[in-house]
Every structure is written in C-alpha cells, then in structure tokens.
Amino acid sequence: MTTDAMTIKEKKLKNLRKILWICSASFSALILLFTVPFYVLVEMSGFMDNANVPKLPAWPLFIMSQVLGIILIGAVCLVIYHIFKYRIDKKDDSLFL
C-alpha cells in the first residue's frame, strides 16, 4: 500500500515539475522575445539623437535585466514546486484549503 502511495506522489511531483519547466521556459522565451526589439529601438534612438551627451552602452542593462528576470521566474517556479511537495508530503487531501 505504501508503494502505491509513493508512485502516486511521484507521478504528481513529476507532472508538476513538467508543468513548471514549461511555464519557466515559456516565460523566459517571452522575456527574450520582448526585450530584444526594445533593445534595438533604444539603440536606434541613439543614432537619431543630436545632443552631445556621452552615451553609455545599453546592452549590459538589457542583459542583466533579462538574466534577473529569468532567475526570478525560476525562483518562483521552484518555490511553487516546494510548496506543493510539502503539501503532498504532509498527505493533505485538500491542497488549497
């Protein structure tokens, strides 16, 4: 009987991991897809600017923001996984109550 409970628990955690990996990958891809055109627009606006202001390259800021966004998404997915794992380990039938 305990082996059945372990396999059900493992199946639930495996499915949860799969869902969270898909969510993490899709949100990370969205971050990359939306920030790259914005980066190009910011760099193109530098060519149109006539002011004699010293220009700092914008690419380090964009790379850092992308990496931090992806790390944040991964951390949120990891926290969600550990919350569900804790609730399943507790053998609580009502996960959300």
PDB file of N, CA and C in Angstrom:
ATOM      1  N   MET A   1       0.809  -1.189   0.000  1.00  0.00           N
ATOM      2  CA  MET A   1       0.000   0.000   0.000  1.00  0.00           C
ATOM      3  C   MET A   1       0.857   1.261   0.000  1.00  0.00           C
ATOM      4  N   THR A   2       1.988   1.207   0.661  1.00  0.00           N
ATOM      5  CA  THR A   2       2.850   2.386   0.667  1.00  0.00           C
ATOM      6  C   THR A   2       3.504   2.597  -0.688  1.00  0.00           C
ATOM      7  N   THR A   3       3.738   1.521  -1.450  1.00  0.00           N
ATOM      8  CA  THR A   3       4.330   1.683  -2.773  1.00  0.00           C
ATOM      9  C   THR A   3       3.361   2.378  -3.716  1.00  0.00           C
ATOM     10  N   ASP A   4       2.059   2.102  -3.595  1.00  0.00           N
ATOM     11  CA  ASP A   4       1.078   2.795  -4.412  1.00  0.00           C
ATOM     12  C   ASP A   4       1.045   4.277  -4.070  1.00  0.00           C
ATOM     13  N   ALA A   5       1.114   4.575  -2.777  1.00  0.00           N
ATOM     14  CA  ALA A   5       1.107   5.976  -2.369  1.00  0.00           C
ATOM     15  C   ALA A   5       2.360   6.686  -2.870  1.00  0.00           C
ATOM     16  N   MET A   6       3.486   6.024  -2.856  1.00  0.00           N
ATOM     17  CA  MET A   6       4.714   6.643  -3.347  1.00  0.00           C
ATOM     18  C   MET A   6       4.655   6.867  -4.854  1.00  0.00           C
ATOM     19  N   THR A   7       4.104   5.913  -5.593  1.00  0.00           N
ATOM     20  CA  THR A   7       4.036   6.104  -7.038  1.00  0.00           C
ATOM     21  C   THR A   7       3.066   7.226  -7.390  1.00  0.00           C
ATOM     22  N   ILE A   8       1.970   7.344  -6.672  1.00  0.00           N
ATOM     23  CA  ILE A   8       1.039   8.440  -6.926  1.00  0.00           C
ATOM     24  C   ILE A   8       1.708   9.771  -6.604  1.00  0.00           C
ATOM     25  N   LYS A   9       2.429   9.799  -5.475  1.00  0.00           N
ATOM     26  CA  LYS A   9       3.140  11.013  -5.085  1.00  0.00           C
ATOM     27  C   LYS A   9       4.196  11.364  -6.124  1.00  0.00           C
ATOM     28  N   GLU A  10       4.943  10.376  -6.573  1.00  0.00           N
ATOM     29  CA  GLU A  10       5.974  10.637  -7.576  1.00  0.00           C
ATOM     30  C   GLU A  10       5.372  11.095  -8.897  1.00  0.00           C
ATOM     31  N   LYS A  11       4.228  10.528  -9.272  1.00  0.00           N
ATOM     32  CA  LYS A  11       3.569  10.949 -10.509  1.00  0.00           C
ATOM     33  C   LYS A  11       3.116  12.405 -10.407  1.00  0.00           C
ATOM     34  N   LYS A  12       2.540  12.762  -9.257  1.00  0.00           N
ATOM     35  CA  LYS A  12       2.087  14.142  -9.079  1.00  0.00           C
ATOM     36  C   LYS A  12       3.259  15.109  -9.146  1.00  0.00           C
ATOM     37  N   LEU A  13       4.352  14.770  -8.469  1.00  0.00           N
ATOM     38  CA  LEU A  13       5.516  15.655  -8.475  1.00  0.00           C
ATOM     39  C   LEU A  13       6.164  15.722  -9.854  1.00  0.00           C
ATOM     40  N   LYS A  14       6.168  14.594 -10.566  1.00  0.00           N
ATOM     41  CA  LYS A  14       6.742  14.584 -11.916  1.00  0.00           C
ATOM     42  C   LYS A  14       5.921  15.467 -12.853  1.00  0.00           C
ATOM     43  N   ASN A  15       4.596  15.360 -12.762  1.00  0.00           N
ATOM     44  CA  ASN A  15       3.731  16.197 -13.591  1.00  0.00           C
ATOM     45  C   ASN A  15       3.886  17.671 -13.231  1.00  0.00           C
ATOM     46  N   LEU A  16       4.010  17.946 -11.946  1.00  0.00           N
ATOM     47  CA  LEU A  16       4.189  19.324 -11.507  1.00  0.00           C
ATOM     48  C   LEU A  16       5.513  19.896 -12.009  1.00  0.00           C
ATOM     49  N   ARG A  17       6.574  19.105 -11.938  1.00  0.00           N
ATOM     50  CA  ARG A  17       7.869  19.549 -12.459  1.00  0.00           C
ATOM     51  C   ARG A  17       7.784  19.855 -13.949  1.00  0.00           C
ATOM     52  N   LYS A  18       7.098  18.976 -14.682  1.00  0.00           N
ATOM     53  CA  LYS A  18       6.961  19.169 -16.128  1.00  0.00           C
ATOM     54  C   LYS A  18       6.208  20.464 -16.432  1.00  0.00           C
ATOM     55  N   ILE A  19       5.122  20.708 -15.717  1.00  0.00           N
ATOM     56  CA  ILE A  19       4.333  21.926 -15.923  1.00  0.00           C
ATOM     57  C   ILE A  19       5.154  23.165 -15.592  1.00  0.00           C
ATOM     58  N   LEU A  20       5.897  23.122 -14.484  1.00  0.00           N
ATOM     59  CA  LEU A  20       6.688  24.282 -14.091  1.00  0.00           C
ATOM     60  C   LEU A  20       7.853  24.534 -15.040  1.00  0.00           C
ATOM     61  N   TRP A  21       8.451  23.478 -15.600  1.00  0.00           N
ATOM     62  CA  TRP A  21       9.510  23.663 -16.591  1.00  0.00           C
ATOM     63  C   TRP A  21       8.955  24.335 -17.841  1.00  0.00           C
ATOM     64  N   ILE A  22       7.771  23.908 -18.257  1.00  0.00           N
ATOM     65  CA  ILE A  22       7.153  24.506 -19.448  1.00  0.00           C
ATOM     66  C   ILE A  22       6.833  25.972 -19.190  1.00  0.00           C
ATOM     67  N   CYS A  23       6.284  26.266 -18.019  1.00  0.00           N
ATOM     68  CA  CYS A  23       5.969  27.663 -17.677  1.00  0.00           C
ATOM     69  C   CYS A  23       7.227  28.509 -17.611  1.00  0.00           C
ATOM     70  N   SER A  24       8.243  27.997 -16.980  1.00  0.00           N
ATOM     71  CA  SER A  24       9.501  28.735 -16.855  1.00  0.00           C
ATOM     72  C   SER A  24      10.122  28.993 -18.226  1.00  0.00           C
ATOM     73  N   ALA A  25      10.144  27.977 -19.069  1.00  0.00           N
ATOM     74  CA  ALA A  25      10.727  28.141 -20.407  1.00  0.00           C
ATOM     75  C   ALA A  25       9.914  29.117 -21.257  1.00  0.00           C
ATOM     76  N   SER A  26       8.604  29.045 -21.167  1.00  0.00           N
ATOM     77  CA  SER A  26       7.788  29.942 -21.990  1.00  0.00           C
ATOM     78  C   SER A  26       7.903  31.385 -21.520  1.00  0.00           C
ATOM     79  N   PHE A  27       7.911  31.626 -20.210  1.00  0.00           N
ATOM     80  CA  PHE A  27       8.067  32.995 -19.729  1.00  0.00           C
ATOM     81  C   PHE A  27       9.464  33.536 -20.033  1.00  0.00           C
ATOM     82  N   SER A  28      10.466  32.686 -19.952  1.00  0.00           N
ATOM     83  CA  SER A  28      11.819  33.121 -20.292  1.00  0.00           C
ATOM     84  C   SER A  28      11.921  33.469 -21.775  1.00  0.00           C
ATOM     85  N   ALA A  29      11.294  32.672 -22.614  1.00  0.00           N
ATOM     86  CA  ALA A  29      11.291  32.968 -24.047  1.00  0.00           C
ATOM     87  C   ALA A  29      10.555  34.281 -24.327  1.00  0.00           C
ATOM     88  N   LEU A  30       9.459  34.510 -23.612  1.00  0.00           N
ATOM     89  CA  LEU A  30       8.739  35.771 -23.794  1.00  0.00           C
ATOM     90  C   LEU A  30       9.586  36.960 -23.375  1.00  0.00           C
ATOM     91  N   ILE A  31      10.318  36.822 -22.286  1.00  0.00           N
ATOM     92  CA  ILE A  31      11.205  37.914 -21.859  1.00  0.00           C
ATOM     93  C   ILE A  31      12.223  38.213 -22.951  1.00  0.00           C
ATOM     94  N   LEU A  32      12.823  37.183 -23.492  1.00  0.00           N
ATOM     95  CA  LEU A  32      13.821  37.393 -24.543  1.00  0.00           C
ATOM     96  C   LEU A  32      13.198  37.988 -25.800  1.00  0.00           C
ATOM     97  N   LEU A  33      12.016  37.507 -26.175  1.00  0.00           N
ATOM     98  CA  LEU A  33      11.383  37.994 -27.403  1.00  0.00           C
ATOM     99  C   LEU A  33      10.908  39.436 -27.294  1.00  0.00           C
ATOM    100  N   PHE A  34      10.520  39.864 -26.079  1.00  0.00           N
ATOM    101  CA  PHE A  34      10.038  41.233 -25.940  1.00  0.00           C
ATOM    102  C   PHE A  34      11.137  42.235 -25.623  1.00  0.00           C
ATOM    103  N   THR A  35      12.226  41.806 -25.036  1.00  0.00           N
ATOM    104  CA  THR A  35      13.264  42.773 -24.709  1.00  0.00           C
ATOM    105  C   THR A  35      14.236  43.005 -25.857  1.00  0.00           C
ATOM    106  N   VAL A  36      14.409  42.049 -26.728  1.00  0.00           N
ATOM    107  CA  VAL A  36      15.332  42.251 -27.853  1.00  0.00           C
ATOM    108  C   VAL A  36      14.841  43.356 -28.793  1.00  0.00           C
ATOM    109  N   PRO A  37      13.568  43.394 -29.212  1.00  0.00           N
ATOM    110  CA  PRO A  37      13.134  44.534 -30.046  1.00  0.00           C
ATOM    111  C   PRO A  37      13.219  45.870 -29.307  1.00  0.00           C
ATOM    112  N   PHE A  38      12.943  45.849 -28.006  1.00  0.00           N
ATOM    113  CA  PHE A  38      13.059  47.079 -27.231  1.00  0.00           C
ATOM    114  C   PHE A  38      14.508  47.554 -27.200  1.00  0.00           C
ATOM    115  N   TYR A  39      15.428  46.638 -27.064  1.00  0.00           N
ATOM    116  CA  TYR A  39      16.851  46.960 -27.090  1.00  0.00           C
ATOM    117  C   TYR A  39      17.233  47.577 -28.432  1.00  0.00           C
ATOM    118  N   VAL A  40      16.735  47.013 -29.510  1.00  0.00           N
ATOM    119  CA  VAL A  40      17.047  47.541 -30.849  1.00  0.00           C
ATOM    120  C   VAL A  40      16.491  48.954 -30.991  1.00  0.00           C
ATOM    121  N   LEU A  41      15.279  49.188 -30.474  1.00  0.00           N
ATOM    122  CA  LEU A  41      14.706  50.534 -30.560  1.00  0.00           C
ATOM    123  C   LEU A  41      15.517  51.543 -29.757  1.00  0.00           C
ATOM    124  N   VAL A  42      15.980  51.153 -28.594  1.00  0.00           N
ATOM    125  CA  VAL A  42      16.783  52.060 -27.783  1.00  0.00           C
ATOM    126  C   VAL A  42      18.106  52.360 -28.475  1.00  0.00           C
ATOM    127  N   GLU A  43      18.736  51.359 -29.051  1.00  0.00           N
ATOM    128  CA  GLU A  43      19.999  51.580 -29.755  1.00  0.00           C
ATOM    129  C   GLU A  43      19.796  52.432 -31.005  1.00  0.00           C
ATOM    130  N   MET A  44      18.669  52.244 -31.692  1.00  0.00           N
ATOM    131  CA  MET A  44      18.402  53.031 -32.895  1.00  0.00           C
ATOM    132  C   MET A  44      18.115  54.487 -32.536  1.00  0.00           C
ATOM    133  N   SER A  45      17.533  54.730 -31.371  1.00  0.00           N
ATOM    134  CA  SER A  45      17.253  56.112 -30.981  1.00  0.00           C
ATOM    135  C   SER A  45      18.550  56.867 -30.716  1.00  0.00           C
ATOM    136  N   GLY A  46      19.612  56.168 -30.393  1.00  0.00           N
ATOM    137  CA  GLY A  46      20.904  56.822 -30.196  1.00  0.00           C
ATOM    138  C   GLY A  46      21.444  57.427 -31.475  1.00  0.00           C
ATOM    139  N   PHE A  47      21.124  56.836 -32.619  1.00  0.00           N
ATOM    140  CA  PHE A  47      21.577  57.375 -33.894  1.00  0.00           C
ATOM    141  C   PHE A  47      20.832  58.650 -34.270  1.00  0.00           C
ATOM    142  N   MET A  48      19.609  58.778 -33.798  1.00  0.00           N
ATOM    143  CA  MET A  48      18.804  59.945 -34.142  1.00  0.00           C
ATOM    144  C   MET A  48      19.021  61.111 -33.189  1.00  0.00           C
ATOM    145  N   ASP A  49      19.667  60.869 -32.079  1.00  0.00           N
ATOM    146  CA  ASP A  49      19.874  61.909 -31.088  1.00  0.00           C
ATOM    147  C   ASP A  49      21.038  62.801 -31.521  1.00  0.00           C
ATOM    148  N   ASN A  50      20.807  64.105 -31.494  1.00  0.00           N
ATOM    149  CA  ASN A  50      21.836  65.042 -31.926  1.00  0.00           C
ATOM    150  C   ASN A  50      22.571  65.684 -30.761  1.00  0.00           C
ATOM    151  N   ALA A  51      22.194  65.397 -29.558  1.00  0.00           N
ATOM    152  CA  ALA A  51      22.826  66.032 -28.394  1.00  0.00           C
ATOM    153  C   ALA A  51      24.233  65.480 -28.202  1.00  0.00           C
ATOM    154  N   ASN A  52      25.064  66.288 -27.624  1.00  0.00           N
ATOM    155  CA  ASN A  52      26.433  65.874 -27.353  1.00  0.00           C
ATOM    156  C   ASN A  52      26.551  65.300 -25.944  1.00  0.00           C
ATOM    157  N   VAL A  53      25.743  64.360 -25.654  1.00  0.00           N
ATOM    158  CA  VAL A  53      25.732  63.719 -24.343  1.00  0.00           C
ATOM    159  C   VAL A  53      26.562  62.444 -24.443  1.00  0.00           C
ATOM    160  N   PRO A  54      27.422  62.191 -23.454  1.00  0.00           N
ATOM    161  CA  PRO A  54      28.172  60.927 -23.521  1.00  0.00           C
ATOM    162  C   PRO A  54      27.212  59.745 -23.447  1.00  0.00           C
ATOM    163  N   LYS A  55      27.389  58.855 -24.375  1.00  0.00           N
ATOM    164  CA  LYS A  55      26.449  57.742 -24.483  1.00  0.00           C
ATOM    165  C   LYS A  55      27.055  56.497 -23.850  1.00  0.00           C
ATOM    166  N   LEU A  56      26.284  55.906 -22.973  1.00  0.00           N
ATOM    167  CA  LEU A  56      26.683  54.648 -22.351  1.00  0.00           C
ATOM    168  C   LEU A  56      26.027  53.507 -23.106  1.00  0.00           C
ATOM    169  N   PRO A  57      26.715  52.415 -23.286  1.00  0.00           N
ATOM    170  CA  PRO A  57      26.077  51.293 -23.990  1.00  0.00           C
ATOM    171  C   PRO A  57      24.925  50.725 -23.161  1.00  0.00           C
ATOM    172  N   ALA A  58      23.841  50.411 -23.833  1.00  0.00           N
ATOM    173  CA  ALA A  58      22.648  49.925 -23.139  1.00  0.00           C
ATOM    174  C   ALA A  58      22.634  48.404 -23.007  1.00  0.00           C
ATOM    175  N   TRP A  59      23.505  47.712 -23.710  1.00  0.00           N
ATOM    176  CA  TRP A  59      23.426  46.249 -23.708  1.00  0.00           C
ATOM    177  C   TRP A  59      23.693  45.621 -22.352  1.00  0.00           C
ATOM    178  N   PRO A  60      24.575  46.158 -21.470  1.00  0.00           N
ATOM    179  CA  PRO A  60      24.735  45.499 -20.161  1.00  0.00           C
ATOM    180  C   PRO A  60      23.455  45.548 -19.333  1.00  0.00           C
ATOM    181  N   LEU A  61      22.745  46.676 -19.407  1.00  0.00           N
ATOM    182  CA  LEU A  61      21.484  46.791 -18.667  1.00  0.00           C
ATOM    183  C   LEU A  61      20.465  45.780 -19.173  1.00  0.00           C
ATOM    184  N   PHE A  62      20.367  45.622 -20.476  1.00  0.00           N
ATOM    185  CA  PHE A  62      19.400  44.678 -21.022  1.00  0.00           C
ATOM    186  C   PHE A  62      19.760  43.234 -20.709  1.00  0.00           C
ATOM    187  N   ILE A  63      21.032  42.915 -20.780  1.00  0.00           N
ATOM    188  CA  ILE A  63      21.442  41.544 -20.456  1.00  0.00           C
ATOM    189  C   ILE A  63      21.185  41.250 -18.988  1.00  0.00           C
ATOM    190  N   MET A  64      21.518  42.209 -18.119  1.00  0.00           N
ATOM    191  CA  MET A  64      21.274  42.000 -16.682  1.00  0.00           C
ATOM    192  C   MET A  64      19.781  41.878 -16.385  1.00  0.00           C
ATOM    193  N   SER A  65      18.966  42.695 -17.034  1.00  0.00           N
ATOM    194  CA  SER A  65      17.529  42.619 -16.781  1.00  0.00           C
ATOM    195  C   SER A  65      16.948  41.298 -17.275  1.00  0.00           C
ATOM    196  N   GLN A  66      17.433  40.812 -18.399  1.00  0.00           N
ATOM    197  CA  GLN A  66      16.959  39.525 -18.895  1.00  0.00           C
ATOM    198  C   GLN A  66      17.364  38.399 -17.965  1.00  0.00           C
ATOM    199  N   VAL A  67      18.606  38.392 -17.533  1.00  0.00           N
ATOM    200  CA  VAL A  67      19.087  37.335 -16.642  1.00  0.00           C
ATOM    201  C   VAL A  67      18.356  37.383 -15.307  1.00  0.00           C
ATOM    202  N   LEU A  68      18.177  38.578 -14.755  1.00  0.00           N
ATOM    203  CA  LEU A  68      17.468  38.697 -13.478  1.00  0.00           C
ATOM    204  C   LEU A  68      16.003  38.281 -13.609  1.00  0.00           C
ATOM    205  N   GLY A  69      15.384  38.607 -14.724  1.00  0.00           N
ATOM    206  CA  GLY A  69      14.001  38.187 -14.946  1.00  0.00           C
ATOM    207  C   GLY A  69      13.877  36.677 -15.042  1.00  0.00           C
ATOM    208  N   ILE A  70      14.799  36.047 -15.745  1.00  0.00           N
ATOM    209  CA  ILE A  70      14.770  34.588 -15.881  1.00  0.00           C
ATOM    210  C   ILE A  70      15.057  33.920 -14.538  1.00  0.00           C
ATOM    211  N   ILE A  71      15.997  34.473 -13.760  1.00  0.00           N
ATOM    212  CA  ILE A  71      16.280  33.922 -12.430  1.00  0.00           C
ATOM    213  C   ILE A  71      15.066  34.075 -11.521  1.00  0.00           C
ATOM    214  N   LEU A  72      14.391  35.207 -11.602  1.00  0.00           N
ATOM    215  CA  LEU A  72      13.196  35.429 -10.788  1.00  0.00           C
ATOM    216  C   LEU A  72      12.091  34.437 -11.137  1.00  0.00           C
ATOM    217  N   ILE A  73      11.891  34.198 -12.416  1.00  0.00           N
ATOM    218  CA  ILE A  73      10.878  33.225 -12.841  1.00  0.00           C
ATOM    219  C   ILE A  73      11.243  31.831 -12.350  1.00  0.00           C
ATOM    220  N   GLY A  74      12.513  31.462 -12.468  1.00  0.00           N
ATOM    221  CA  GLY A  74      12.951  30.155 -11.968  1.00  0.00           C
ATOM    222  C   GLY A  74      12.761  30.023 -10.467  1.00  0.00           C
ATOM    223  N   ALA A  75      13.043  31.088  -9.723  1.00  0.00           N
ATOM    224  CA  ALA A  75      12.869  31.048  -8.274  1.00  0.00           C
ATOM    225  C   ALA A  75      11.403  30.906  -7.893  1.00  0.00           C
ATOM    226  N   VAL A  76      10.529  31.603  -8.601  1.00  0.00           N
ATOM    227  CA  VAL A  76       9.091  31.484  -8.311  1.00  0.00           C
ATOM    228  C   VAL A  76       8.612  30.067  -8.599  1.00  0.00           C
ATOM    229  N   CYS A  77       9.036  29.490  -9.709  1.00  0.00           N
ATOM    230  CA  CYS A  77       8.642  28.111 -10.030  1.00  0.00           C
ATOM    231  C   CYS A  77       9.193  27.131  -9.002  1.00  0.00           C
ATOM    232  N   LEU A  78      10.406  27.360  -8.529  1.00  0.00           N
ATOM    233  CA  LEU A  78      10.995  26.493  -7.512  1.00  0.00           C
ATOM    234  C   LEU A  78      10.230  26.585  -6.192  1.00  0.00           C
ATOM    235  N   VAL A  79       9.818  27.789  -5.817  1.00  0.00           N
ATOM    236  CA  VAL A  79       9.030  27.961  -4.595  1.00  0.00           C
ATOM    237  C   VAL A  79       7.677  27.272  -4.735  1.00  0.00           C
ATOM    238  N   ILE A  80       7.040  27.410  -5.879  1.00  0.00           N
ATOM    239  CA  ILE A  80       5.755  26.739  -6.106  1.00  0.00           C
ATOM    240  C   ILE A  80       5.919  25.232  -5.997  1.00  0.00           C
ATOM    241  N   TYR A  81       6.989  24.697  -6.581  1.00  0.00           N
ATOM    242  CA  TYR A  81       7.232  23.257  -6.518  1.00  0.00           C
ATOM    243  C   TYR A  81       7.410  22.787  -5.076  1.00  0.00           C
ATOM    244  N   HIS A  82       8.200  23.528  -4.302  1.00  0.00           N
ATOM    245  CA  HIS A  82       8.442  23.103  -2.920  1.00  0.00           C
ATOM    246  C   HIS A  82       7.201  23.240  -2.052  1.00  0.00           C
ATOM    247  N   ILE A  83       6.341  24.205  -2.336  1.00  0.00           N
ATOM    248  CA  ILE A  83       5.076  24.314  -1.602  1.00  0.00           C
ATOM    249  C   ILE A  83       4.206  23.105  -1.884  1.00  0.00           C
ATOM    250  N   PHE A  84       4.068  22.746  -3.143  1.00  0.00           N
ATOM    251  CA  PHE A  84       3.264  21.578  -3.491  1.00  0.00           C
ATOM    252  C   PHE A  84       3.880  20.298  -2.942  1.00  0.00           C
ATOM    253  N   LYS A  85       5.197  20.191  -2.996  1.00  0.00           N
ATOM    254  CA  LYS A  85       5.868  18.999  -2.471  1.00  0.00           C
ATOM    255  C   LYS A  85       5.641  18.877  -0.974  1.00  0.00           C
ATOM    256  N   TYR A  86       5.715  19.978  -0.256  1.00  0.00           N
ATOM    257  CA  TYR A  86       5.463  19.966   1.186  1.00  0.00           C
ATOM    258  C   TYR A  86       4.042  19.542   1.492  1.00  0.00           C
ATOM    259  N   ARG A  87       3.095  20.067   0.714  1.00  0.00           N
ATOM    260  CA  ARG A  87       1.689  19.725   0.951  1.00  0.00           C
ATOM    261  C   ARG A  87       1.410  18.255   0.618  1.00  0.00           C
ATOM    262  N   ILE A  88       2.057  17.743  -0.409  1.00  0.00           N
ATOM    263  CA  ILE A  88       1.870  16.329  -0.760  1.00  0.00           C
ATOM    264  C   ILE A  88       2.542  15.439   0.275  1.00  0.00           C
ATOM    265  N   ASP A  89       3.727  15.834   0.751  1.00  0.00           N
ATOM    266  CA  ASP A  89       4.397  15.062   1.793  1.00  0.00           C
ATOM    267  C   ASP A  89       3.593  15.034   3.083  1.00  0.00           C
ATOM    268  N   LYS A  90       2.868  16.092   3.330  1.00  0.00           N
ATOM    269  CA  LYS A  90       2.043  16.167   4.522  1.00  0.00           C
ATOM    270  C   LYS A  90       0.829  15.265   4.428  1.00  0.00           C
ATOM    271  N   LYS A  91       0.585  14.729   3.221  1.00  0.00           N
ATOM    272  CA  LYS A  91      -0.550  13.849   2.929  1.00  0.00           C
ATOM    273  C   LYS A  91      -1.871  14.531   3.223  1.00  0.00           C
ATOM    274  N   ASP A  92      -1.935  15.769   2.807  1.00  0.00           N
ATOM    275  CA  ASP A  92      -3.154  16.533   2.963  1.00  0.00           C
ATOM    276  C   ASP A  92      -3.958  16.420   1.680  1.00  0.00           C
ATOM    277  N   ASP A  93      -5.222  16.005   1.806  1.00  0.00           N
ATOM    278  CA  ASP A  93      -6.045  15.817   0.612  1.00  0.00           C
ATOM    279  C   ASP A  93      -6.464  17.148  -0.011  1.00  0.00           C
ATOM    280  N   SER A  94      -6.642  18.152   0.807  1.00  0.00           N
ATOM    281  CA  SER A  94      -7.041  19.446   0.268  1.00  0.00           C
ATOM    282  C   SER A  94      -5.800  20.331   0.159  1.00  0.00           C
ATOM    283  N   LEU A  95      -5.262  20.445  -1.043  1.00  0.00           N
ATOM    284  CA  LEU A  95      -4.017  21.184  -1.232  1.00  0.00           C
ATOM    285  C   LEU A  95      -4.183  22.677  -1.045  1.00  0.00           C
ATOM    286  N   PHE A  96      -5.336  23.207  -1.334  1.00  0.00           N
ATOM    287  CA  PHE A  96      -5.503  24.656  -1.323  1.00  0.00           C
ATOM    288  C   PHE A  96      -6.312  25.185  -0.148  1.00  0.00           C
ATOM    289  N   LEU A  97      -6.725  24.337   0.739  1.00  0.00           N
ATOM    290  CA  LEU A  97      -7.519  24.810   1.888  1.00  0.00           C
ATOM    291  C   LEU A  97      -6.699  24.922   3.128  1.00  0.00           C
TER     292      LEU A  97
END
